[in-house]
Every structure is written in structure tokens, then in C-alpha cells.
PDB file of N, CA and C in Angstrom:
ATOM      1  N   MET A   1      45.602 -48.500   9.569  1.00  0.00           N
ATOM      2  CA  MET A   1      46.005 -49.818  10.391  1.00  0.00           C
ATOM      3  C   MET A   1      45.833 -49.228  11.956  1.00  0.00           C
ATOM      4  N   SER A   2      44.644 -49.664  12.971  1.00  0.00           N
ATOM      5  CA  SER A   2      44.492 -49.404  14.591  1.00  0.00           C
ATOM      6  C   SER A   2      45.345 -49.709  15.124  1.00  0.00           C
ATOM      7  N   PRO A   3      46.096 -49.833  15.909  1.00  0.00           N
ATOM      8  CA  PRO A   3      46.854 -49.685  17.032  1.00  0.00           C
ATOM      9  C   PRO A   3      46.591 -51.201  16.983  1.00  0.00           C
ATOM     10  N   GLN A   4      47.488 -52.298  18.067  1.00  0.00           N
ATOM     11  CA  GLN A   4      47.663 -53.380  18.874  1.00  0.00           C
ATOM     12  C   GLN A   4      47.542 -53.181  20.095  1.00  0.00           C
ATOM     13  N   ARG A   5      46.417 -54.650  20.897  1.00  0.00           N
ATOM     14  CA  ARG A   5      46.243 -53.739  21.642  1.00  0.00           C
ATOM     15  C   ARG A   5      46.259 -55.492  22.546  1.00  0.00           C
ATOM     16  N   VAL A   6      47.093 -55.693  23.595  1.00  0.00           N
ATOM     17  CA  VAL A   6      46.855 -56.667  24.401  1.00  0.00           C
ATOM     18  C   VAL A   6      45.413 -56.440  25.355  1.00  0.00           C
ATOM     19  N   ILE A   7      45.161 -56.846  26.365  1.00  0.00           N
ATOM     20  CA  ILE A   7      44.204 -57.510  27.233  1.00  0.00           C
ATOM     21  C   ILE A   7      44.148 -58.427  27.869  1.00  0.00           C
ATOM     22  N   SER A   8      44.409 -58.347  29.107  1.00  0.00           N
ATOM     23  CA  SER A   8      43.780 -59.035  30.359  1.00  0.00           C
ATOM     24  C   SER A   8      42.936 -59.150  31.466  1.00  0.00           C
ATOM     25  N   CYS A   9      42.316 -60.555  32.150  1.00  0.00           N
ATOM     26  CA  CYS A   9      41.532 -59.904  32.819  1.00  0.00           C
ATOM     27  C   CYS A   9      42.249 -60.856  34.090  1.00  0.00           C
ATOM     28  N   SER A  10      41.590 -60.577  35.329  1.00  0.00           N
ATOM     29  CA  SER A  10      42.330 -60.790  36.842  1.00  0.00           C
ATOM     30  C   SER A  10      41.150 -61.643  37.245  1.00  0.00           C
ATOM     31  N   MET A  11      41.028 -62.758  38.264  1.00  0.00           N
ATOM     32  CA  MET A  11      40.183 -63.077  38.808  1.00  0.00           C
ATOM     33  C   MET A  11      39.736 -62.347  39.729  1.00  0.00           C
ATOM     34  N   GLY A  12      39.496 -61.140  40.093  1.00  0.00           N
ATOM     35  CA  GLY A  12      38.814 -60.003  40.977  1.00  0.00           C
ATOM     36  C   GLY A  12      38.408 -59.288  39.932  1.00  0.00           C
ATOM     37  N   GLY A  13      38.307 -59.867  38.407  1.00  0.00           N
ATOM     38  CA  GLY A  13      37.143 -59.566  36.818  1.00  0.00           C
ATOM     39  C   GLY A  13      38.041 -57.596  36.957  1.00  0.00           C
ATOM     40  N   GLU A  14      39.204 -57.832  37.176  1.00  0.00           N
ATOM     41  CA  GLU A  14      40.159 -56.535  37.137  1.00  0.00           C
ATOM     42  C   GLU A  14      40.147 -56.743  35.480  1.00  0.00           C
ATOM     43  N   LEU A  15      40.347 -55.979  34.437  1.00  0.00           N
ATOM     44  CA  LEU A  15      40.485 -56.084  33.205  1.00  0.00           C
ATOM     45  C   LEU A  15      42.054 -54.717  32.720  1.00  0.00           C
ATOM     46  N   ARG A  16      42.745 -55.111  32.111  1.00  0.00           N
ATOM     47  CA  ARG A  16      43.877 -53.926  31.843  1.00  0.00           C
ATOM     48  C   ARG A  16      44.391 -54.434  30.417  1.00  0.00           C
ATOM     49  N   VAL A  17      44.255 -53.344  29.673  1.00  0.00           N
ATOM     50  CA  VAL A  17      44.802 -52.666  28.220  1.00  0.00           C
ATOM     51  C   VAL A  17      46.221 -52.264  28.135  1.00  0.00           C
ATOM     52  N   TRP A  18      47.029 -52.467  27.271  1.00  0.00           N
ATOM     53  CA  TRP A  18      48.609 -52.498  27.028  1.00  0.00           C
ATOM     54  C   TRP A  18      48.664 -52.891  25.897  1.00  0.00           C
ATOM     55  N   ASP A  19      49.075 -51.352  25.037  1.00  0.00           N
ATOM     56  CA  ASP A  19      49.176 -51.283  23.720  1.00  0.00           C
ATOM     57  C   ASP A  19      50.599 -51.617  22.961  1.00  0.00           C
ATOM     58  N   ILE A  20      50.447 -53.298  22.706  1.00  0.00           N
ATOM     59  CA  ILE A  20      51.009 -53.649  21.814  1.00  0.00           C
ATOM     60  C   ILE A  20      53.306 -54.036  21.694  1.00  0.00           C
ATOM     61  N   GLU A  21      53.170 -52.297  21.056  1.00  0.00           N
ATOM     62  CA  GLU A  21      54.141 -52.273  20.154  1.00  0.00           C
ATOM     63  C   GLU A  21      55.260 -51.936  21.101  1.00  0.00           C
ATOM     64  N   SER A  22      55.061 -50.538  22.222  1.00  0.00           N
ATOM     65  CA  SER A  22      55.452 -49.863  23.194  1.00  0.00           C
ATOM     66  C   SER A  22      55.087 -50.522  24.330  1.00  0.00           C
ATOM     67  N   GLY A  23      54.671 -51.139  24.717  1.00  0.00           N
ATOM     68  CA  GLY A  23      54.427 -52.325  25.761  1.00  0.00           C
ATOM     69  C   GLY A  23      53.845 -51.225  26.848  1.00  0.00           C
ATOM     70  N   LYS A  24      52.693 -50.322  26.245  1.00  0.00           N
ATOM     71  CA  LYS A  24      52.568 -48.447  27.363  1.00  0.00           C
ATOM     72  C   LYS A  24      51.165 -49.143  27.895  1.00  0.00           C
ATOM     73  N   TYR A  25      51.553 -49.381  29.732  1.00  0.00           N
ATOM     74  CA  TYR A  25      50.071 -49.378  30.122  1.00  0.00           C
ATOM     75  C   TYR A  25      48.831 -49.379  28.867  1.00  0.00           C
ATOM     76  N   ILE A  26      47.784 -49.071  29.145  1.00  0.00           N
ATOM     77  CA  ILE A  26      46.158 -47.983  29.146  1.00  0.00           C
ATOM     78  C   ILE A  26      45.574 -47.807  29.560  1.00  0.00           C
ATOM     79  N   LYS A  27      44.776 -48.816  30.598  1.00  0.00           N
ATOM     80  CA  LYS A  27      43.850 -48.799  30.999  1.00  0.00           C
ATOM     81  C   LYS A  27      43.488 -49.152  32.085  1.00  0.00           C
ATOM     82  N   LYS A  28      42.679 -49.582  32.825  1.00  0.00           N
ATOM     83  CA  LYS A  28      42.160 -50.636  33.784  1.00  0.00           C
ATOM     84  C   LYS A  28      40.655 -50.582  34.040  1.00  0.00           C
ATOM     85  N   TYR A  29      39.972 -50.792  33.453  1.00  0.00           N
ATOM     86  CA  TYR A  29      38.810 -51.424  33.605  1.00  0.00           C
ATOM     87  C   TYR A  29      37.995 -52.483  34.869  1.00  0.00           C
ATOM     88  N   ASP A  30      36.703 -52.071  35.479  1.00  0.00           N
ATOM     89  CA  ASP A  30      36.856 -52.852  36.666  1.00  0.00           C
ATOM     90  C   ASP A  30      35.226 -53.480  35.896  1.00  0.00           C
ATOM     91  N   LEU A  31      35.341 -55.012  35.955  1.00  0.00           N
ATOM     92  CA  LEU A  31      34.725 -55.956  35.413  1.00  0.00           C
ATOM     93  C   LEU A  31      33.144 -56.344  35.885  1.00  0.00           C
ATOM     94  N   ASN A  32      33.779 -55.714  37.447  1.00  0.00           N
ATOM     95  CA  ASN A  32      33.098 -56.222  39.082  1.00  0.00           C
ATOM     96  C   ASN A  32      31.356 -55.518  38.256  1.00  0.00           C
ATOM     97  N   THR A  33      31.213 -53.775  37.320  1.00  0.00           N
ATOM     98  CA  THR A  33      30.287 -53.067  37.632  1.00  0.00           C
ATOM     99  C   THR A  33      28.895 -54.098  36.442  1.00  0.00           C
ATOM    100  N   PHE A  34      29.975 -55.136  36.118  1.00  0.00           N
ATOM    101  CA  PHE A  34      29.064 -55.216  34.612  1.00  0.00           C
ATOM    102  C   PHE A  34      28.682 -57.322  35.665  1.00  0.00           C
ATOM    103  N   THR A  35      29.249 -57.220  35.931  1.00  0.00           N
ATOM    104  CA  THR A  35      29.086 -58.913  36.642  1.00  0.00           C
ATOM    105  C   THR A  35      29.855 -59.047  37.614  1.00  0.00           C
ATOM    106  N   THR A  36      29.624 -59.836  38.336  1.00  0.00           N
ATOM    107  CA  THR A  36      30.681 -60.254  39.854  1.00  0.00           C
ATOM    108  C   THR A  36      30.653 -62.315  39.731  1.00  0.00           C
ATOM    109  N   ASP A  37      30.787 -62.716  38.449  1.00  0.00           N
ATOM    110  CA  ASP A  37      30.935 -64.077  38.425  1.00  0.00           C
ATOM    111  C   ASP A  37      32.089 -64.168  37.042  1.00  0.00           C
ATOM    112  N   PRO A  38      32.612 -65.446  37.398  1.00  0.00           N
ATOM    113  CA  PRO A  38      33.979 -65.763  36.525  1.00  0.00           C
ATOM    114  C   PRO A  38      33.861 -65.015  34.824  1.00  0.00           C
ATOM    115  N   ILE A  39      35.181 -64.093  34.470  1.00  0.00           N
ATOM    116  CA  ILE A  39      34.792 -64.001  32.887  1.00  0.00           C
ATOM    117  C   ILE A  39      35.464 -65.451  32.355  1.00  0.00           C
ATOM    118  N   THR A  40      35.283 -66.158  31.677  1.00  0.00           N
ATOM    119  CA  THR A  40      35.508 -66.894  30.732  1.00  0.00           C
ATOM    120  C   THR A  40      35.741 -66.626  28.998  1.00  0.00           C
ATOM    121  N   THR A  41      35.610 -66.211  28.854  1.00  0.00           N
ATOM    122  CA  THR A  41      36.459 -65.722  26.999  1.00  0.00           C
ATOM    123  C   THR A  41      36.184 -63.977  26.842  1.00  0.00           C
ATOM    124  N   LEU A  42      37.227 -63.781  26.632  1.00  0.00           N
ATOM    125  CA  LEU A  42      37.098 -61.781  25.761  1.00  0.00           C
ATOM    126  C   LEU A  42      37.772 -62.346  24.633  1.00  0.00           C
ATOM    127  N   LYS A  43      36.927 -61.306  23.812  1.00  0.00           N
ATOM    128  CA  LYS A  43      37.890 -61.032  22.670  1.00  0.00           C
ATOM    129  C   LYS A  43      37.341 -59.036  22.215  1.00  0.00           C
ATOM    130  N   LEU A  44      38.504 -58.835  21.655  1.00  0.00           N
ATOM    131  CA  LEU A  44      38.275 -57.265  21.250  1.00  0.00           C
ATOM    132  C   LEU A  44      38.715 -56.905  20.158  1.00  0.00           C
ATOM    133  N   SER A  45      37.536 -56.524  19.365  1.00  0.00           N
ATOM    134  CA  SER A  45      37.551 -56.433  18.208  1.00  0.00           C
ATOM    135  C   SER A  45      38.621 -55.057  17.511  1.00  0.00           C
ATOM    136  N   ASP A  46      38.633 -54.457  16.204  1.00  0.00           N
ATOM    137  CA  ASP A  46      39.660 -54.458  15.667  1.00  0.00           C
ATOM    138  C   ASP A  46      38.942 -52.142  16.300  1.00  0.00           C
ATOM    139  N   GLY A  47      37.154 -52.722  16.888  1.00  0.00           N
ATOM    140  CA  GLY A  47      36.480 -51.233  16.878  1.00  0.00           C
ATOM    141  C   GLY A  47      36.542 -50.646  18.240  1.00  0.00           C
ATOM    142  N   GLY A  48      37.856 -51.320  18.509  1.00  0.00           N
ATOM    143  CA  GLY A  48      37.298 -51.832  20.468  1.00  0.00           C
ATOM    144  C   GLY A  48      36.106 -51.484  21.275  1.00  0.00           C
ATOM    145  N   ILE A  49      35.463 -52.812  20.589  1.00  0.00           N
ATOM    146  CA  ILE A  49      33.641 -53.360  20.900  1.00  0.00           C
ATOM    147  C   ILE A  49      35.036 -54.518  22.124  1.00  0.00           C
ATOM    148  N   LEU A  50      34.373 -55.105  23.051  1.00  0.00           N
ATOM    149  CA  LEU A  50      34.997 -56.175  23.689  1.00  0.00           C
ATOM    150  C   LEU A  50      33.411 -57.181  23.796  1.00  0.00           C
ATOM    151  N   PHE A  51      33.513 -58.238  24.136  1.00  0.00           N
ATOM    152  CA  PHE A  51      32.311 -59.473  24.171  1.00  0.00           C
ATOM    153  C   PHE A  51      33.437 -60.214  24.920  1.00  0.00           C
ATOM    154  N   MET A  52      32.661 -60.197  25.890  1.00  0.00           N
ATOM    155  CA  MET A  52      33.255 -61.293  27.483  1.00  0.00           C
ATOM    156  C   MET A  52      31.447 -61.883  27.641  1.00  0.00           C
ATOM    157  N   GLY A  53      33.063 -63.200  27.527  1.00  0.00           N
ATOM    158  CA  GLY A  53      31.657 -64.313  27.960  1.00  0.00           C
ATOM    159  C   GLY A  53      31.966 -64.509  29.900  1.00  0.00           C
ATOM    160  N   CYS A  54      31.123 -64.991  30.481  1.00  0.00           N
ATOM    161  CA  CYS A  54      31.057 -65.110  31.628  1.00  0.00           C
ATOM    162  C   CYS A  54      30.111 -66.474  32.336  1.00  0.00           C
ATOM    163  N   LYS A  55      30.590 -66.625  33.737  1.00  0.00           N
ATOM    164  CA  LYS A  55      29.955 -68.691  34.244  1.00  0.00           C
ATOM    165  C   LYS A  55      28.469 -67.858  33.963  1.00  0.00           C
ATOM    166  N   ASP A  56      27.938 -66.398  34.468  1.00  0.00           N
ATOM    167  CA  ASP A  56      26.605 -65.925  34.819  1.00  0.00           C
ATOM    168  C   ASP A  56      26.326 -66.554  33.143  1.00  0.00           C
ATOM    169  N   SER A  57      26.194 -67.427  32.381  1.00  0.00           N
ATOM    170  CA  SER A  57      25.234 -67.368  31.076  1.00  0.00           C
ATOM    171  C   SER A  57      25.637 -66.450  30.414  1.00  0.00           C
ATOM    172  N   ASN A  58      26.130 -64.860  30.460  1.00  0.00           N
ATOM    173  CA  ASN A  58      25.704 -64.078  29.570  1.00  0.00           C
ATOM    174  C   ASN A  58      27.194 -63.880  28.747  1.00  0.00           C
ATOM    175  N   VAL A  59      26.635 -63.393  27.242  1.00  0.00           N
ATOM    176  CA  VAL A  59      27.823 -62.682  26.536  1.00  0.00           C
ATOM    177  C   VAL A  59      27.620 -61.247  27.061  1.00  0.00           C
ATOM    178  N   TYR A  60      29.078 -60.764  27.222  1.00  0.00           N
ATOM    179  CA  TYR A  60      28.698 -58.861  27.204  1.00  0.00           C
ATOM    180  C   TYR A  60      29.308 -58.022  26.258  1.00  0.00           C
ATOM    181  N   LYS A  61      28.679 -57.151  25.485  1.00  0.00           N
ATOM    182  CA  LYS A  61      29.156 -56.219  24.448  1.00  0.00           C
ATOM    183  C   LYS A  61      29.822 -55.061  25.476  1.00  0.00           C
ATOM    184  N   ILE A  62      30.807 -55.020  25.310  1.00  0.00           N
ATOM    185  CA  ILE A  62      31.275 -53.278  26.185  1.00  0.00           C
ATOM    186  C   ILE A  62      32.590 -52.351  24.714  1.00  0.00           C
ATOM    187  N   ASP A  63      31.682 -51.021  24.890  1.00  0.00           N
ATOM    188  CA  ASP A  63      32.649 -50.394  24.636  1.00  0.00           C
ATOM    189  C   ASP A  63      33.662 -49.526  25.099  1.00  0.00           C
ATOM    190  N   MET A  64      35.056 -50.043  24.886  1.00  0.00           N
ATOM    191  CA  MET A  64      36.333 -49.989  25.515  1.00  0.00           C
ATOM    192  C   MET A  64      36.702 -48.470  25.006  1.00  0.00           C
ATOM    193  N   ILE A  65      36.033 -48.007  23.935  1.00  0.00           N
ATOM    194  CA  ILE A  65      36.401 -46.298  24.126  1.00  0.00           C
ATOM    195  C   ILE A  65      35.930 -45.506  25.455  1.00  0.00           C
ATOM    196  N   LYS A  66      34.104 -46.219  24.941  1.00  0.00           N
ATOM    197  CA  LYS A  66      33.392 -45.100  26.250  1.00  0.00           C
ATOM    198  C   LYS A  66      33.605 -45.931  27.654  1.00  0.00           C
ATOM    199  N   GLY A  67      34.230 -46.940  27.794  1.00  0.00           N
ATOM    200  CA  GLY A  67      34.273 -48.103  29.143  1.00  0.00           C
ATOM    201  C   GLY A  67      32.691 -47.709  29.010  1.00  0.00           C
ATOM    202  N   LYS A  68      31.810 -48.496  28.393  1.00  0.00           N
ATOM    203  CA  LYS A  68      30.055 -48.521  28.808  1.00  0.00           C
ATOM    204  C   LYS A  68      29.647 -49.439  28.176  1.00  0.00           C
ATOM    205  N   LEU A  69      29.322 -50.655  29.182  1.00  0.00           N
ATOM    206  CA  LEU A  69      28.145 -51.710  28.688  1.00  0.00           C
ATOM    207  C   LEU A  69      27.155 -51.379  27.100  1.00  0.00           C
ATOM    208  N   ASN A  70      27.595 -51.775  26.399  1.00  0.00           N
ATOM    209  CA  ASN A  70      26.825 -51.758  25.577  1.00  0.00           C
ATOM    210  C   ASN A  70      25.445 -53.074  25.285  1.00  0.00           C
ATOM    211  N   ILE A  71      25.350 -53.803  25.384  1.00  0.00           N
ATOM    212  CA  ILE A  71      23.869 -55.457  24.997  1.00  0.00           C
ATOM    213  C   ILE A  71      25.153 -55.785  25.966  1.00  0.00           C
ATOM    214  N   VAL A  72      23.952 -57.004  26.853  1.00  0.00           N
ATOM    215  CA  VAL A  72      24.148 -58.676  27.361  1.00  0.00           C
ATOM    216  C   VAL A  72      23.221 -59.397  26.198  1.00  0.00           C
ATOM    217  N   TYR A  73      24.277 -60.415  25.980  1.00  0.00           N
ATOM    218  CA  TYR A  73      23.320 -60.835  25.347  1.00  0.00           C
ATOM    219  C   TYR A  73      22.873 -62.062  26.563  1.00  0.00           C
ATOM    220  N   GLU A  74      21.452 -62.462  27.048  1.00  0.00           N
ATOM    221  CA  GLU A  74      21.287 -63.254  27.922  1.00  0.00           C
ATOM    222  C   GLU A  74      21.065 -65.337  27.204  1.00  0.00           C
ATOM    223  N   GLY A  75      21.944 -66.068  28.076  1.00  0.00           N
ATOM    224  CA  GLY A  75      20.729 -67.723  27.968  1.00  0.00           C
ATOM    225  C   GLY A  75      21.876 -67.988  27.397  1.00  0.00           C
ATOM    226  N   HIS A  76      22.894 -68.060  27.537  1.00  0.00           N
ATOM    227  CA  HIS A  76      23.963 -68.486  26.783  1.00  0.00           C
ATOM    228  C   HIS A  76      24.745 -70.163  27.434  1.00  0.00           C
ATOM    229  N   TRP A  77      23.652 -71.366  27.248  1.00  0.00           N
ATOM    230  CA  TRP A  77      23.679 -72.138  28.155  1.00  0.00           C
ATOM    231  C   TRP A  77      25.060 -72.871  28.226  1.00  0.00           C
ATOM    232  N   SER A  78      25.817 -73.148  27.052  1.00  0.00           N
ATOM    233  CA  SER A  78      27.388 -73.990  26.846  1.00  0.00           C
ATOM    234  C   SER A  78      27.917 -73.695  26.775  1.00  0.00           C
TER     235      SER A  78
END
């Protein structure tokens, strides 16, 4: 079973990850490297992939283990 995580995102574009069992802070990411628009949706998969919906009408696929943007899905208007 993979470790459970809690993620949060601030209005300033800072994403933080914690271990749910121990409450230990794991890592911080600066989402402003991907977009400066407000983040509206976050979904973290079991495999460490973060899907991030944004006011810029895009969905971002981010590898949280490597800390790298994989794909930008453009044109999500609604």
C-alpha cells in the first residue's frame, strides 16, 4: 500500500505535501513555475501524479516525484 498524502495549495501558488499518518511535512512546490493564475482543482493519484485545474483554462499533469510538468491539456473552457 502506498503512503497516504495530504496536499494543499495557497492563493500564492505554493503547494505543500504532508504524510497523513505521521503528519510530517514532506515537500513544497512553487506552482508559479507552471502558471500564475489561481488553481481551482487538485487531484493526486496513487502514483504521485498531480492533476491541477486552473483559471487559465488548462489542466496540468505534474510528476510530484520528479517535480516536473509532464503535459498541459489546453482548452478546458467550462
